[in-house]
Protein backbone atom coordinates (compact mmCIF):
# COMPACT_ATOMS: atom_id res chain seq x y z
CA MET A 1 95.64 90.01 102.81
CA ALA A 2 95.60 90.87 99.12
CA THR A 3 96.88 88.38 96.57
CA ASN A 4 97.73 89.24 92.97
CA LYS A 5 97.83 86.62 90.25
CA VAL A 6 99.45 86.90 86.84
CA THR A 7 99.52 84.23 84.18
CA THR A 8 102.63 83.98 82.05
CA HIS A 9 102.29 82.08 78.78
CA TRP A 10 105.12 80.87 76.57
CA LYS A 11 104.66 82.26 73.04
CA GLY A 12 107.48 80.31 71.38
CA ASN A 13 111.24 80.66 71.22
CA MET A 14 112.25 82.80 74.25
CA GLN A 15 109.13 84.96 74.24
CA PHE A 16 106.56 85.09 77.04
CA GLU A 17 103.38 87.08 77.52
CA SER A 18 102.29 87.92 81.04
CA ASP A 19 98.94 89.33 82.03
CA ASN A 20 98.03 91.74 84.76
CA PRO A 21 95.08 91.41 87.16
CA ASN A 22 93.37 94.19 85.12
CA GLY A 23 93.73 92.15 81.91
CA LYS A 24 96.56 94.11 80.25
CA THR A 25 99.49 92.14 78.91
CA VAL A 26 103.21 92.67 78.57
CA LEU A 27 105.65 90.87 76.30
CA MET A 28 108.95 89.55 77.61
CA ASP A 29 111.89 88.37 75.56
CA THR A 30 115.65 88.28 75.70
CA SER A 31 118.49 89.41 73.48
CA PRO A 32 119.68 87.47 70.41
CA GLU A 33 122.86 86.40 72.23
CA HIS A 34 120.59 84.56 74.67
CA GLY A 35 118.34 83.09 71.96
CA GLY A 36 115.66 85.78 71.83
CA HIS A 37 114.64 88.53 69.41
CA ASN A 38 114.45 91.60 71.70
CA SER A 39 110.69 91.66 71.02
CA GLY A 40 109.78 92.56 74.59
CA LEU A 41 111.17 93.78 77.86
CA SER A 42 113.62 91.59 79.69
CA PRO A 43 112.41 90.38 83.10
CA LYS A 44 115.17 92.28 84.93
CA ALA A 45 114.42 95.50 83.02
CA MET A 46 110.76 95.04 83.95
CA MET A 47 111.79 95.01 87.60
CA LEU A 48 113.43 98.42 87.20
CA SER A 49 110.36 99.66 85.32
CA ALA A 50 108.12 98.39 88.12
CA LEU A 51 110.20 100.25 90.69
CA ALA A 52 110.08 103.51 88.75
CA GLY A 53 106.40 103.09 87.93
CA CYS A 54 105.45 102.40 91.54
CA SER A 55 107.31 105.42 92.88
CA GLY A 56 106.26 107.61 89.96
CA LEU A 57 102.58 106.87 90.56
CA ASP A 58 103.03 107.86 94.22
CA VAL A 59 104.88 111.07 93.39
CA VAL A 60 102.40 112.22 90.73
CA SER A 61 99.44 111.45 93.01
CA ILE A 62 100.96 113.30 95.98
CA LEU A 63 101.98 116.32 93.87
CA ASP A 64 98.49 116.44 92.37
CA LYS A 65 97.01 116.61 95.88
CA MET A 66 99.53 119.36 96.72
CA LYS A 67 98.43 121.23 93.54
CA VAL A 68 102.01 121.21 92.19
CA LYS A 69 102.18 121.65 88.43
CA LEU A 70 104.96 120.08 86.36
CA ALA A 71 105.83 120.50 82.70
CA ASP A 72 107.41 117.04 82.69
CA PHE A 73 108.66 114.32 85.00
CA ARG A 74 110.83 111.31 84.31
CA MET A 75 112.85 108.78 86.25
CA ASP A 76 116.12 107.19 85.17
CA THR A 77 116.63 103.89 86.97
CA TYR A 78 119.90 101.97 86.94
CA GLY A 79 120.54 98.48 88.27
CA GLU A 80 123.98 96.96 88.85
CA LEU A 81 124.01 93.19 88.58
CA THR A 82 126.13 90.78 90.56
CA GLU A 83 128.90 89.00 88.63
CA GLU A 84 127.93 85.46 89.66
CA HIS A 85 124.74 83.51 88.94
CA PRO A 86 122.06 83.96 89.93
CA LYS A 87 122.64 87.53 88.78
CA TYR A 88 120.54 90.05 90.67
CA TYR A 89 120.60 93.78 91.29
CA HIS A 90 122.87 94.52 94.23
CA THR A 91 122.72 98.31 93.75
CA VAL A 92 119.86 100.31 92.27
CA THR A 93 119.78 104.05 91.63
CA VAL A 94 116.62 106.03 90.92
CA GLU A 95 117.06 109.56 89.60
CA TYR A 96 113.93 111.74 89.70
CA HIS A 97 113.95 114.54 87.08
CA PHE A 98 111.38 117.34 87.37
CA TYR A 99 110.83 119.98 84.68
CA GLY A 100 108.86 123.20 84.90
CA GLU A 101 108.80 126.88 85.77
CA ASP A 102 109.40 127.92 89.37
CA LEU A 103 109.39 124.35 90.63
CA ASN A 104 108.32 124.01 94.26
CA THR A 105 111.36 122.06 95.43
CA GLY A 106 110.06 121.70 98.98
CA LYS A 107 106.83 120.01 97.95
CA ILE A 108 108.58 117.89 95.32
CA GLN A 109 111.13 116.72 97.91
CA LYS A 110 108.31 115.85 100.31
CA ALA A 111 106.42 113.89 97.64
CA VAL A 112 109.51 111.89 96.67
CA ASP A 113 110.40 111.24 100.32
CA LEU A 114 106.87 109.99 101.06
CA SER A 115 107.07 107.59 98.13
CA ILE A 116 110.53 106.33 99.08
CA GLU A 117 109.94 106.03 102.81
CA LYS A 118 106.25 105.20 103.15
CA TYR A 119 104.21 104.31 100.08
CA CYS A 120 106.18 102.49 97.38
CA GLY A 121 105.95 98.78 98.10
CA VAL A 122 108.20 97.89 95.18
CA MET A 123 110.91 100.15 96.65
CA GLU A 124 110.57 98.28 99.94
CA MET A 125 110.89 94.93 98.14
CA PHE A 126 114.07 96.13 96.39
CA ARG A 127 115.55 97.13 99.76
CA LYS A 128 115.40 93.46 100.78
CA PHE A 129 118.16 92.57 98.30
CA ALA A 130 119.73 95.80 96.98
CA ASP A 131 121.28 99.04 98.14
CA VAL A 132 118.76 101.60 96.80
CA LYS A 133 120.00 105.13 96.13
CA THR A 134 117.85 108.06 95.04
CA SER A 135 118.43 111.61 93.87
CA ILE A 136 116.26 114.51 92.72
CA HIS A 137 117.15 116.78 89.80
CA TYR A 138 115.30 120.04 89.12
CA HIS A 139 115.18 121.48 85.61
CA ASN A 140 113.64 124.96 85.85
CA LYS A 141 112.71 126.52 82.54
């Protein structure tokens, strides 16, 4: 069983720096109304970024193996928080946006489905506490 370890170090005020097993770091902070300076990503926003990043890596890798060319690809990820503390995402929506000429919608759909249903571990973690919705949007040039 694989174990990942990150070390998160308080940098003063409401700022934290967290490392990654590969040595890269990310800065976390909060908004001024919560005592921070907006100098980094908020922890909850990082969760949405992790979800999109995990699925995006899958999709790009699968499409590369399928020899599908894209001009651009982005994901818009939305999280709806509960009203009461502890506030957590009860509903999450991931919109996949693909840009290019003559997009192969069949292969793109298959790549996204494989990520959602089989490969993305972060997506599976989110399903443990949130209703996860996805959609695909094609932007042919």
